[in-house]
């Protein structure tokens, strides 16, 4: 009887602790993804404004790539943590960001640490 009661108490306590730990991990991971996506969006919008008055074909291609990146970010499902292709879409956005950086002759180095996030050019 004591063994059964101890098991039930331990199971309930472990479930509660696991849920709390899962929430903390989810919030931290979500904040990191949000920070990264927000940085990409700010980068794209800033460069789009900088290239707005340039009318040559080379800059037109850059603007189209920036528009594509912004479109991918706007379609990203922020509100749905159960979205099946979340990581796949995130990798596509990262790839497009690297492509845009290459077109702009900018070296991208996005890293999120525990203390700060940085984007260096």
Protein backbone atom coordinates (compact mmCIF):
# COMPACT_ATOMS: atom_id res chain seq x y z
CA UNK A 1 0.00 0.00 0.00
CA UNK A 2 2.79 2.48 0.98
CA UNK A 3 4.66 1.65 -2.18
CA UNK A 4 1.57 2.45 -4.28
CA UNK A 5 0.89 5.72 -2.45
CA UNK A 6 4.52 6.77 -2.74
CA UNK A 7 4.50 6.00 -6.44
CA UNK A 8 1.35 8.08 -7.01
CA UNK A 9 2.75 11.05 -5.03
CA UNK A 10 6.07 10.87 -6.87
CA UNK A 11 4.36 10.59 -10.22
CA UNK A 12 2.15 13.62 -9.55
CA UNK A 13 5.08 15.71 -8.27
CA UNK A 14 7.27 14.69 -11.21
CA UNK A 15 4.52 15.54 -13.70
CA UNK A 16 4.09 18.99 -12.15
CA UNK A 17 7.86 19.67 -12.15
CA UNK A 18 8.14 18.43 -15.75
CA UNK A 19 5.38 20.76 -16.92
CA UNK A 20 7.03 23.75 -15.24
CA UNK A 21 10.40 22.89 -16.75
CA UNK A 22 8.80 22.40 -20.17
CA UNK A 23 7.13 25.82 -19.98
CA UNK A 24 10.41 27.51 -19.08
CA UNK A 25 12.26 25.76 -21.90
CA UNK A 26 9.49 26.57 -24.39
CA UNK A 27 9.43 30.24 -23.41
CA UNK A 28 13.21 30.52 -23.69
CA UNK A 29 13.37 28.72 -27.03
CA UNK A 30 10.45 30.76 -28.38
CA UNK A 31 12.11 34.00 -27.31
CA UNK A 32 15.32 33.01 -29.11
CA UNK A 33 13.46 32.23 -32.32
CA UNK A 34 11.48 35.47 -32.03
CA UNK A 35 14.67 37.47 -31.52
CA UNK A 36 16.31 35.87 -34.52
CA UNK A 37 13.29 36.37 -36.81
CA UNK A 38 12.87 39.96 -35.60
CA UNK A 39 16.49 40.69 -36.38
CA UNK A 40 16.08 39.29 -39.90
CA UNK A 41 12.96 41.39 -40.45
CA UNK A 42 14.61 44.59 -39.24
CA UNK A 43 17.63 43.87 -41.43
CA UNK A 44 15.48 43.27 -44.51
CA UNK A 45 13.29 46.34 -44.02
CA UNK A 46 16.30 48.58 -43.41
CA UNK A 47 18.11 47.40 -46.53
CA UNK A 48 14.93 47.66 -48.58
CA UNK A 49 14.67 51.34 -47.57
CA UNK A 50 18.35 51.91 -48.37
CA UNK A 51 17.94 50.43 -51.85
CA UNK A 52 14.61 52.12 -52.54
CA UNK A 53 16.01 54.90 -54.73
CA UNK A 54 18.44 52.69 -56.69
CA UNK A 55 16.84 51.77 -60.00
CA UNK A 56 19.48 49.64 -61.76
CA UNK A 57 18.87 45.93 -62.44
CA UNK A 58 21.41 44.71 -59.88
CA UNK A 59 19.68 46.56 -57.05
CA UNK A 60 16.29 45.46 -58.36
CA UNK A 61 17.33 41.82 -57.82
CA UNK A 62 18.46 42.67 -54.30
CA UNK A 63 15.13 44.32 -53.53
CA UNK A 64 13.22 41.30 -54.86
CA UNK A 65 15.29 38.99 -52.64
CA UNK A 66 14.61 41.27 -49.67
CA UNK A 67 10.88 41.25 -50.50
CA UNK A 68 10.99 37.47 -50.60
CA UNK A 69 12.66 37.35 -47.17
CA UNK A 70 10.06 39.73 -45.72
CA UNK A 71 7.26 37.64 -47.22
CA UNK A 72 8.67 34.44 -45.71
CA UNK A 73 8.93 36.11 -42.30
CA UNK A 74 5.37 37.45 -42.49
CA UNK A 75 4.05 33.96 -43.29
CA UNK A 76 5.95 32.38 -40.39
CA UNK A 77 3.46 30.86 -37.88
CA UNK A 78 4.38 32.71 -34.66
CA UNK A 79 1.17 31.77 -32.86
CA UNK A 80 1.20 28.01 -33.53
CA UNK A 81 3.81 26.08 -31.51
CA UNK A 82 2.46 22.77 -32.86
CA UNK A 83 3.12 23.71 -36.50
CA UNK A 84 4.74 20.65 -38.10
CA UNK A 85 7.15 22.49 -40.40
CA UNK A 86 8.31 25.18 -37.97
CA UNK A 87 11.97 24.14 -38.06
CA UNK A 88 11.86 23.60 -41.82
CA UNK A 89 10.44 27.09 -42.44
CA UNK A 90 12.95 28.58 -40.01
CA UNK A 91 15.80 26.96 -41.97
CA UNK A 92 14.38 28.36 -45.22
CA UNK A 93 14.32 31.86 -43.70
CA UNK A 94 17.92 31.44 -42.50
CA UNK A 95 18.93 30.31 -45.98
CA UNK A 96 17.22 33.27 -47.64
CA UNK A 97 18.89 35.61 -45.14
CA UNK A 98 22.30 34.18 -46.04
CA UNK A 99 21.50 34.54 -49.75
CA UNK A 100 20.52 38.19 -49.27
CA UNK A 101 23.69 38.85 -47.26
CA UNK A 102 25.73 37.31 -50.07
CA UNK A 103 23.99 39.51 -52.66
CA UNK A 104 24.72 42.58 -50.52
CA UNK A 105 28.36 41.52 -49.96
CA UNK A 106 27.77 41.40 -46.21
CA UNK A 107 29.17 38.71 -43.96
CA UNK A 108 26.42 37.46 -41.70
CA UNK A 109 27.09 36.14 -38.24
CA UNK A 110 23.95 35.83 -36.16
CA UNK A 111 24.39 34.26 -32.75
CA UNK A 112 22.27 34.21 -29.65
CA UNK A 113 24.09 33.91 -26.38
CA UNK A 114 22.76 33.76 -22.87
CA UNK A 115 23.60 37.41 -22.26
CA UNK A 116 22.93 39.13 -25.58
CA UNK A 117 22.14 38.63 -29.24
CA UNK A 118 24.24 40.17 -31.92
CA UNK A 119 24.31 40.60 -35.65
CA UNK A 120 27.65 41.67 -37.02
CA UNK A 121 28.41 42.85 -40.51
